[in-house]
Every structure is written in structure tokens, then in C-alpha cells.
């Protein structure tokens, strides 16, 4: 086996495109999600802390005797819901968003690092980010904060790695034509004042395809980027 690859949220959008374009021959690809998007599926609700320990155990079990060329974990799962002012959001929906967007990447990322620490093969941990990590869009408070948390976690944990440690990076893929974008465009301006910009991007054909985003993300792995790099595909 040339590689063992985990992708969270590979049932649709960028995650599905990443799973379909894995560049390593004979790679074993595992989707971590509720619905399942690859032949091998580890079912988990990543907004539920009870499932985080199951994922951690799965990493440990699979990597305890691993002897392949590389292991990769791409954390892609996330949600834009709920959109609107934080004070008006449904409390349960808001809590799920914070858990999925902010806490799950850190907990699962740390679990992958622990499970792979004994390996001497190539190791990569990739976190999906967004321009929302640095731009505060009104109505996206949980999403904005989650992506900012992801990027600062990556910067910090990247510094902690030894020279031969896991390569960790965060990547913003740009504005990608996914179901999330459809949800954004269907939001009333009162809940998301910047919605007109996203209608314009769609109308002018300015959205990136999931396949192009996936190709760009995979192209980062062989680059000699400093550990803990946070990058935007639109700047490369």
C-alpha cells in the first residue's frame, strides 16, 4: 500500500473531489462522515464529541502496525449553518456548528498526530480553511471563528513538530461551487449582508470547481512549505 488517506466529509463537494483524485497509486482511502462517500466509510458525526474518541481509536488501530509509504489526514468537514446574527441563532444548531468547525479539527488533528507519532514514513495533516478565517463576514460568526481557530492551531502545532515530524498545513481553496455556496446564496440579506457578492460570483462564472480545488490541495503536499503554513490556493 502506497498510502493510507483519511478525508473527513468526503460524501460531497470538495471532500468527494479529494477522494476521487488521490494522487497515490494503490492508496487506501477512508471517508469519515455521517453519510459515506467512498467504498470504505467510517461512520461518525463529527459534531458529536462522543464520536471523536471513536475516530481517535480508529486512527490508533489502523496505524499501530502500518508499514506503507505515507499517511494523510485531510479534515474537510464543516458547516456554514446557522447563517445569521449569533444572538438569533438556534442554540442547538449554533452549538453543533462550534463543535464541528472549531473543536473537532483540533481534537481529531491531535488524535492523528498521537496515532502517527511512531511512524517514520511521510505524514501529512491538512486542514481546510477559508478566507473567512481573516475576513469577518456578518452572519457567519461560528464559521468565521472556526476557520480562524483552525489556522492558528495549524501555525502553533506546526511549530511543535520535529524536523522529521508530521507536515501540517491549512489551505483555503477559494470560493468553490458546492452545496454550501447554494445555501449561502439562498440566505436573506438581513441574515447575510454580503449575499449579493456571492450571487455575482455565481452569475459571472467565478466559482472554482471542487475538482480544481482538490487538485490544488493535493499539489501542496510535495511542496517544501514551512510546517504550519496557512495558504490560499488563489495566491499560488
C-alpha atoms as a PDB file:
ATOM      1  CA  UNK A   1       0.000   0.000   0.000  1.00  0.00           C
ATOM      2  CA  UNK A   2       1.482   3.351  -1.037  1.00  0.00           C
ATOM      3  CA  UNK A   3      -0.705   5.467   1.223  1.00  0.00           C
ATOM      4  CA  UNK A   4      -3.441   5.438   3.809  1.00  0.00           C
ATOM      5  CA  UNK A   5      -5.630   8.505   3.369  1.00  0.00           C
ATOM      6  CA  UNK A   6      -8.441   9.740   5.595  1.00  0.00           C
ATOM      7  CA  UNK A   7     -10.754  12.502   4.375  1.00  0.00           C
ATOM      8  CA  UNK A   8     -13.493  13.843   6.599  1.00  0.00           C
ATOM      9  CA  UNK A   9     -16.680  14.881   4.836  1.00  0.00           C
ATOM     10  CA  UNK A  10     -15.913  13.020   1.605  1.00  0.00           C
ATOM     11  CA  UNK A  11     -19.567  12.393   0.794  1.00  0.00           C
ATOM     12  CA  UNK A  12     -19.934  15.559  -1.311  1.00  0.00           C
ATOM     13  CA  UNK A  13     -18.264  18.728  -2.560  1.00  0.00           C
ATOM     14  CA  UNK A  14     -14.533  19.238  -2.063  1.00  0.00           C
ATOM     15  CA  UNK A  15     -14.255  16.123   0.102  1.00  0.00           C
ATOM     16  CA  UNK A  16     -15.694  13.902  -2.614  1.00  0.00           C
ATOM     17  CA  UNK A  17     -13.403  15.508  -5.198  1.00  0.00           C
ATOM     18  CA  UNK A  18     -10.385  14.936  -2.954  1.00  0.00           C
ATOM     19  CA  UNK A  19     -11.303  11.268  -2.573  1.00  0.00           C
ATOM     20  CA  UNK A  20     -11.707  10.888  -6.340  1.00  0.00           C
ATOM     21  CA  UNK A  21      -8.324  12.449  -7.141  1.00  0.00           C
ATOM     22  CA  UNK A  22      -5.958  10.910  -4.574  1.00  0.00           C
ATOM     23  CA  UNK A  23      -2.600  11.030  -6.398  1.00  0.00           C
ATOM     24  CA  UNK A  24      -1.008   7.978  -4.776  1.00  0.00           C
ATOM     25  CA  UNK A  25      -1.204   4.588  -6.545  1.00  0.00           C
ATOM     26  CA  UNK A  26      -2.844   1.764  -4.581  1.00  0.00           C
ATOM     27  CA  UNK A  27      -3.928   4.193  -1.878  1.00  0.00           C
ATOM     28  CA  UNK A  28      -6.482   3.121   0.689  1.00  0.00           C
ATOM     29  CA  UNK A  29      -8.989   5.950   1.115  1.00  0.00           C
ATOM     30  CA  UNK A  30     -11.337   6.199   4.099  1.00  0.00           C
ATOM     31  CA  UNK A  31     -14.190   8.693   4.343  1.00  0.00           C
ATOM     32  CA  UNK A  32     -15.076   9.890   7.849  1.00  0.00           C
ATOM     33  CA  UNK A  33     -18.611  11.246   7.727  1.00  0.00           C
ATOM     34  CA  UNK A  34     -22.230  10.559   8.556  1.00  0.00           C
ATOM     35  CA  UNK A  35     -23.363   9.632   5.039  1.00  0.00           C
ATOM     36  CA  UNK A  36     -20.382   7.967   3.386  1.00  0.00           C
ATOM     37  CA  UNK A  37     -18.709   8.938   0.132  1.00  0.00           C
ATOM     38  CA  UNK A  38     -16.106   6.236  -0.574  1.00  0.00           C
ATOM     39  CA  UNK A  39     -16.224   2.435  -0.656  1.00  0.00           C
ATOM     40  CA  UNK A  40     -14.541   2.433   2.755  1.00  0.00           C
ATOM     41  CA  UNK A  41     -16.544   4.531   5.197  1.00  0.00           C
ATOM     42  CA  UNK A  42     -16.012   5.195   8.887  1.00  0.00           C
ATOM     43  CA  UNK A  43     -19.389   6.466  10.041  1.00  0.00           C
ATOM     44  CA  UNK A  44     -19.159   9.333  12.517  1.00  0.00           C
ATOM     45  CA  UNK A  45     -20.984  12.532  13.381  1.00  0.00           C
ATOM     46  CA  UNK A  46     -18.099  14.954  13.814  1.00  0.00           C
ATOM     47  CA  UNK A  47     -20.332  17.473  15.578  1.00  0.00           C
ATOM     48  CA  UNK A  48     -20.809  14.910  18.355  1.00  0.00           C
ATOM     49  CA  UNK A  49     -17.913  14.738  20.855  1.00  0.00           C
ATOM     50  CA  UNK A  50     -18.865  11.142  21.640  1.00  0.00           C
ATOM     51  CA  UNK A  51     -17.724  10.158  18.149  1.00  0.00           C
ATOM     52  CA  UNK A  52     -14.347  11.908  18.383  1.00  0.00           C
ATOM     53  CA  UNK A  53     -12.962   9.187  20.650  1.00  0.00           C
ATOM     54  CA  UNK A  54     -14.157   6.533  18.163  1.00  0.00           C
ATOM     55  CA  UNK A  55     -12.244   8.274  15.374  1.00  0.00           C
ATOM     56  CA  UNK A  56      -9.161   8.542  17.595  1.00  0.00           C
ATOM     57  CA  UNK A  57      -9.315   4.807  18.350  1.00  0.00           C
ATOM     58  CA  UNK A  58      -9.700   4.096  14.646  1.00  0.00           C
ATOM     59  CA  UNK A  59      -6.547   6.113  13.844  1.00  0.00           C
ATOM     60  CA  UNK A  60      -4.629   4.251  16.547  1.00  0.00           C
ATOM     61  CA  UNK A  61      -5.822   0.817  15.455  1.00  0.00           C
ATOM     62  CA  UNK A  62      -5.059   1.391  11.782  1.00  0.00           C
ATOM     63  CA  UNK A  63      -1.623   2.924  12.343  1.00  0.00           C
ATOM     64  CA  UNK A  64      -0.322   0.658  15.098  1.00  0.00           C
ATOM     65  CA  UNK A  65       1.274  -1.717  12.572  1.00  0.00           C
ATOM     66  CA  UNK A  66       1.237   0.450   9.440  1.00  0.00           C
ATOM     67  CA  UNK A  67       4.247  -0.014   7.156  1.00  0.00           C
ATOM     68  CA  UNK A  68       3.288   1.902   3.992  1.00  0.00           C
ATOM     69  CA  UNK A  69       4.889   4.925   2.365  1.00  0.00           C
ATOM     70  CA  UNK A  70       2.699   7.724   3.726  1.00  0.00           C
ATOM     71  CA  UNK A  71      -0.340   8.575   5.828  1.00  0.00           C
ATOM     72  CA  UNK A  72      -2.573  11.575   5.203  1.00  0.00           C
ATOM     73  CA  UNK A  73      -5.496  13.063   7.094  1.00  0.00           C
ATOM     74  CA  UNK A  74      -7.427  15.853   5.378  1.00  0.00           C
ATOM     75  CA  UNK A  75     -10.007  17.435   7.648  1.00  0.00           C
ATOM     76  CA  UNK A  76     -12.576  18.883   5.274  1.00  0.00           C
ATOM     77  CA  UNK A  77     -15.840  18.555   7.219  1.00  0.00           C
ATOM     78  CA  UNK A  78     -17.511  21.798   8.265  1.00  0.00           C
ATOM     79  CA  UNK A  79     -20.776  23.712   8.190  1.00  0.00           C
ATOM     80  CA  UNK A  80     -21.918  27.232   7.379  1.00  0.00           C
ATOM     81  CA  UNK A  81     -25.183  26.663   9.264  1.00  0.00           C
ATOM     82  CA  UNK A  82     -26.584  28.608  11.031  1.00  0.00           C
ATOM     83  CA  UNK A  83     -26.271  31.812   8.989  1.00  0.00           C
ATOM     84  CA  UNK A  84     -27.463  34.971  10.694  1.00  0.00           C
ATOM     85  CA  UNK A  85     -26.726  37.040  13.792  1.00  0.00           C
ATOM     86  CA  UNK A  86     -25.317  34.929  16.614  1.00  0.00           C
ATOM     87  CA  UNK A  87     -27.891  36.211  19.091  1.00  0.00           C
ATOM     88  CA  UNK A  88     -30.747  35.000  16.901  1.00  0.00           C
ATOM     89  CA  UNK A  89     -29.407  31.541  16.077  1.00  0.00           C
ATOM     90  CA  UNK A  90     -30.990  28.349  17.326  1.00  0.00           C
ATOM     91  CA  UNK A  91     -28.843  27.395  20.344  1.00  0.00           C
ATOM     92  CA  UNK A  92     -28.588  23.710  19.394  1.00  0.00           C
ATOM     93  CA  UNK A  93     -27.631  24.485  15.789  1.00  0.00           C
ATOM     94  CA  UNK A  94     -25.075  27.026  16.975  1.00  0.00           C
ATOM     95  CA  UNK A  95     -23.529  24.573  19.419  1.00  0.00           C
ATOM     96  CA  UNK A  96     -23.210  21.910  16.706  1.00  0.00           C
ATOM     97  CA  UNK A  97     -21.529  24.441  14.412  1.00  0.00           C
ATOM     98  CA  UNK A  98     -18.999  25.440  17.062  1.00  0.00           C
ATOM     99  CA  UNK A  99     -18.216  21.800  17.822  1.00  0.00           C
ATOM    100  CA  UNK A 100     -17.796  20.875  14.155  1.00  0.00           C
ATOM    101  CA  UNK A 101     -15.961  23.976  12.949  1.00  0.00           C
ATOM    102  CA  UNK A 102     -13.771  24.795  15.952  1.00  0.00           C
ATOM    103  CA  UNK A 103     -13.367  21.840  18.299  1.00  0.00           C
ATOM    104  CA  UNK A 104     -13.432  18.808  16.004  1.00  0.00           C
ATOM    105  CA  UNK A 105     -10.450  19.894  13.855  1.00  0.00           C
ATOM    106  CA  UNK A 106      -8.266  20.375  16.931  1.00  0.00           C
ATOM    107  CA  UNK A 107      -9.317  17.190  18.709  1.00  0.00           C
ATOM    108  CA  UNK A 108      -9.115  14.989  15.606  1.00  0.00           C
ATOM    109  CA  UNK A 109      -5.896  16.629  14.444  1.00  0.00           C
ATOM    110  CA  UNK A 110      -4.281  15.946  17.800  1.00  0.00           C
ATOM    111  CA  UNK A 111      -5.564  12.363  17.704  1.00  0.00           C
ATOM    112  CA  UNK A 112      -3.981  11.814  14.279  1.00  0.00           C
ATOM    113  CA  UNK A 113      -0.673  13.235  15.499  1.00  0.00           C
ATOM    114  CA  UNK A 114      -0.661  10.906  18.504  1.00  0.00           C
ATOM    115  CA  UNK A 115      -1.583   7.849  16.447  1.00  0.00           C
ATOM    116  CA  UNK A 116       1.076   8.527  13.793  1.00  0.00           C
ATOM    117  CA  UNK A 117       3.886   9.767  16.058  1.00  0.00           C
ATOM    118  CA  UNK A 118       5.760   6.456  15.995  1.00  0.00           C
ATOM    119  CA  UNK A 119       5.851   6.246  12.200  1.00  0.00           C
ATOM    120  CA  UNK A 120       8.893   7.119  10.132  1.00  0.00           C
ATOM    121  CA  UNK A 121       7.049   7.352   6.819  1.00  0.00           C
ATOM    122  CA  UNK A 122       5.771  10.564   5.230  1.00  0.00           C
ATOM    123  CA  UNK A 123       2.938  12.078   7.278  1.00  0.00           C
ATOM    124  CA  UNK A 124       0.599  14.922   6.306  1.00  0.00           C
ATOM    125  CA  UNK A 125      -2.205  16.652   8.184  1.00  0.00           C
ATOM    126  CA  UNK A 126      -4.211  19.106   6.069  1.00  0.00           C
ATOM    127  CA  UNK A 127      -6.954  21.331   7.452  1.00  0.00           C
ATOM    128  CA  UNK A 128      -9.447  23.035   5.120  1.00  0.00           C
ATOM    129  CA  UNK A 129      -9.691  26.734   5.864  1.00  0.00           C
ATOM    130  CA  UNK A 130     -11.358  29.724   4.202  1.00  0.00           C
ATOM    131  CA  UNK A 131     -10.946  33.409   3.523  1.00  0.00           C
ATOM    132  CA  UNK A 132     -13.437  33.710   6.390  1.00  0.00           C
ATOM    133  CA  UNK A 133     -10.536  32.940   8.752  1.00  0.00           C
ATOM    134  CA  UNK A 134      -9.326  36.510   8.254  1.00  0.00           C
ATOM    135  CA  UNK A 135     -12.432  38.331   6.951  1.00  0.00           C
ATOM    136  CA  UNK A 136     -15.281  38.834   9.407  1.00  0.00           C
ATOM    137  CA  UNK A 137     -18.478  38.243   7.443  1.00  0.00           C
ATOM    138  CA  UNK A 138     -21.547  39.367   9.375  1.00  0.00           C
ATOM    139  CA  UNK A 139     -23.841  36.369   9.827  1.00  0.00           C
ATOM    140  CA  UNK A 140     -21.054  33.791   9.765  1.00  0.00           C
ATOM    141  CA  UNK A 141     -19.788  34.095  13.341  1.00  0.00           C
ATOM    142  CA  UNK A 142     -19.387  30.370  14.097  1.00  0.00           C
ATOM    143  CA  UNK A 143     -17.875  29.674  10.660  1.00  0.00           C
ATOM    144  CA  UNK A 144     -15.516  32.674  10.775  1.00  0.00           C
ATOM    145  CA  UNK A 145     -14.340  31.776  14.272  1.00  0.00           C
ATOM    146  CA  UNK A 146     -13.941  28.101  13.413  1.00  0.00           C
ATOM    147  CA  UNK A 147     -11.697  28.764  10.432  1.00  0.00           C
ATOM    148  CA  UNK A 148      -9.624  31.287  12.402  1.00  0.00           C
ATOM    149  CA  UNK A 149      -9.190  28.670  15.116  1.00  0.00           C
ATOM    150  CA  UNK A 150      -8.099  26.073  12.557  1.00  0.00           C
ATOM    151  CA  UNK A 151      -5.433  28.346  11.121  1.00  0.00           C
ATOM    152  CA  UNK A 152      -3.953  29.350  14.459  1.00  0.00           C
ATOM    153  CA  UNK A 153      -3.958  25.728  15.614  1.00  0.00           C
ATOM    154  CA  UNK A 154      -2.050  24.776  12.456  1.00  0.00           C
ATOM    155  CA  UNK A 155       0.505  27.552  12.960  1.00  0.00           C
ATOM    156  CA  UNK A 156       1.066  26.513  16.560  1.00  0.00           C
ATOM    157  CA  UNK A 157       1.209  22.750  16.111  1.00  0.00           C
ATOM    158  CA  UNK A 158       3.370  23.130  13.019  1.00  0.00           C
ATOM    159  CA  UNK A 159       5.985  24.805  15.227  1.00  0.00           C
ATOM    160  CA  UNK A 160       5.853  21.878  17.624  1.00  0.00           C
ATOM    161  CA  UNK A 161       6.871  19.277  15.042  1.00  0.00           C
ATOM    162  CA  UNK A 162      10.413  17.943  14.886  1.00  0.00           C
ATOM    163  CA  UNK A 163      12.280  18.135  11.611  1.00  0.00           C
ATOM    164  CA  UNK A 164      11.089  14.668  10.640  1.00  0.00           C
ATOM    165  CA  UNK A 165       7.601  15.147  12.086  1.00  0.00           C
ATOM    166  CA  UNK A 166       4.174  15.378  10.525  1.00  0.00           C
ATOM    167  CA  UNK A 167       3.789  18.081   7.869  1.00  0.00           C
ATOM    168  CA  UNK A 168       0.842  20.261   8.885  1.00  0.00           C
ATOM    169  CA  UNK A 169      -0.864  22.940   6.813  1.00  0.00           C
ATOM    170  CA  UNK A 170      -4.143  24.790   6.391  1.00  0.00           C
ATOM    171  CA  UNK A 171      -5.450  25.642   2.950  1.00  0.00           C
ATOM    172  CA  UNK A 172      -8.229  27.958   1.837  1.00  0.00           C
ATOM    173  CA  UNK A 173      -9.484  26.656  -1.533  1.00  0.00           C
ATOM    174  CA  UNK A 174     -11.231  29.841  -2.667  1.00  0.00           C
ATOM    175  CA  UNK A 175     -14.942  30.135  -3.419  1.00  0.00           C
ATOM    176  CA  UNK A 176     -15.941  26.670  -4.617  1.00  0.00           C
ATOM    177  CA  UNK A 177     -19.186  25.699  -6.351  1.00  0.00           C
ATOM    178  CA  UNK A 178     -20.626  23.354  -3.722  1.00  0.00           C
ATOM    179  CA  UNK A 179     -23.893  22.864  -1.847  1.00  0.00           C
ATOM    180  CA  UNK A 180     -22.569  25.253   0.781  1.00  0.00           C
ATOM    181  CA  UNK A 181     -22.492  28.028  -1.817  1.00  0.00           C
ATOM    182  CA  UNK A 182     -26.098  27.274  -2.759  1.00  0.00           C
ATOM    183  CA  UNK A 183     -27.050  27.590   0.894  1.00  0.00           C
ATOM    184  CA  UNK A 184     -25.221  30.905   1.139  1.00  0.00           C
ATOM    185  CA  UNK A 185     -26.995  32.328  -1.927  1.00  0.00           C
ATOM    186  CA  UNK A 186     -30.400  31.297  -0.568  1.00  0.00           C
ATOM    187  CA  UNK A 187     -29.876  33.320   2.618  1.00  0.00           C
ATOM    188  CA  UNK A 188     -31.823  36.584   3.033  1.00  0.00           C
ATOM    189  CA  UNK A 189     -29.720  39.737   3.008  1.00  0.00           C
ATOM    190  CA  UNK A 190     -30.964  40.537   6.518  1.00  0.00           C
ATOM    191  CA  UNK A 191     -29.135  37.445   7.788  1.00  0.00           C
ATOM    192  CA  UNK A 192     -26.110  37.740   5.492  1.00  0.00           C
ATOM    193  CA  UNK A 193     -25.479  41.296   4.246  1.00  0.00           C
ATOM    194  CA  UNK A 194     -22.735  40.193   1.798  1.00  0.00           C
ATOM    195  CA  UNK A 195     -25.001  37.741  -0.061  1.00  0.00           C
ATOM    196  CA  UNK A 196     -25.058  39.862  -3.252  1.00  0.00           C
ATOM    197  CA  UNK A 197     -21.324  39.272  -3.733  1.00  0.00           C
ATOM    198  CA  UNK A 198     -21.890  35.513  -3.842  1.00  0.00           C
ATOM    199  CA  UNK A 199     -24.738  35.851  -6.360  1.00  0.00           C
ATOM    200  CA  UNK A 200     -22.344  37.849  -8.557  1.00  0.00           C
ATOM    201  CA  UNK A 201     -19.599  35.237  -8.271  1.00  0.00           C
ATOM    202  CA  UNK A 202     -22.014  32.544  -9.429  1.00  0.00           C
ATOM    203  CA  UNK A 203     -23.502  34.656 -12.243  1.00  0.00           C
ATOM    204  CA  UNK A 204     -20.070  35.588 -13.619  1.00  0.00           C
ATOM    205  CA  UNK A 205     -18.689  32.056 -13.541  1.00  0.00           C
ATOM    206  CA  UNK A 206     -16.127  32.994 -10.918  1.00  0.00           C
ATOM    207  CA  UNK A 207     -16.544  29.932  -8.708  1.00  0.00           C
ATOM    208  CA  UNK A 208     -13.866  27.246  -8.589  1.00  0.00           C
ATOM    209  CA  UNK A 209     -14.938  23.661  -9.246  1.00  0.00           C
ATOM    210  CA  UNK A 210     -14.483  21.084  -6.488  1.00  0.00           C
ATOM    211  CA  UNK A 211     -12.170  19.149  -8.811  1.00  0.00           C
ATOM    212  CA  UNK A 212      -9.904  22.162  -9.370  1.00  0.00           C
ATOM    213  CA  UNK A 213      -9.822  22.823  -5.632  1.00  0.00           C
ATOM    214  CA  UNK A 214      -8.920  19.197  -4.924  1.00  0.00           C
ATOM    215  CA  UNK A 215      -6.123  19.253  -7.496  1.00  0.00           C
ATOM    216  CA  UNK A 216      -4.728  22.395  -5.904  1.00  0.00           C
ATOM    217  CA  UNK A 217      -4.846  20.911  -2.426  1.00  0.00           C
ATOM    218  CA  UNK A 218      -3.081  17.701  -3.460  1.00  0.00           C
ATOM    219  CA  UNK A 219      -0.398  19.782  -5.230  1.00  0.00           C
ATOM    220  CA  UNK A 220       0.649  21.296  -1.906  1.00  0.00           C
ATOM    221  CA  UNK A 221       1.843  18.049  -0.343  1.00  0.00           C
ATOM    222  CA  UNK A 222       5.132  17.718  -2.268  1.00  0.00           C
ATOM    223  CA  UNK A 223       5.945  21.418  -1.892  1.00  0.00           C
ATOM    224  CA  UNK A 224       8.574  22.386   0.640  1.00  0.00           C
ATOM    225  CA  UNK A 225       6.284  24.650   2.641  1.00  0.00           C
ATOM    226  CA  UNK A 226       7.271  25.588   6.202  1.00  0.00           C
ATOM    227  CA  UNK A 227       5.496  23.445   8.738  1.00  0.00           C
ATOM    228  CA  UNK A 228       2.378  25.192   9.987  1.00  0.00           C
ATOM    229  CA  UNK A 229       1.805  27.117   6.758  1.00  0.00           C
ATOM    230  CA  UNK A 230      -1.645  28.594   6.161  1.00  0.00           C
ATOM    231  CA  UNK A 231      -2.145  29.302   2.475  1.00  0.00           C
ATOM    232  CA  UNK A 232      -4.825  30.276  -0.019  1.00  0.00           C
ATOM    233  CA  UNK A 233      -4.897  28.499  -3.364  1.00  0.00           C
ATOM    234  CA  UNK A 234      -5.782  31.789  -5.047  1.00  0.00           C
ATOM    235  CA  UNK A 235      -2.370  33.225  -4.112  1.00  0.00           C
ATOM    236  CA  UNK A 236      -0.253  30.386  -5.529  1.00  0.00           C
END
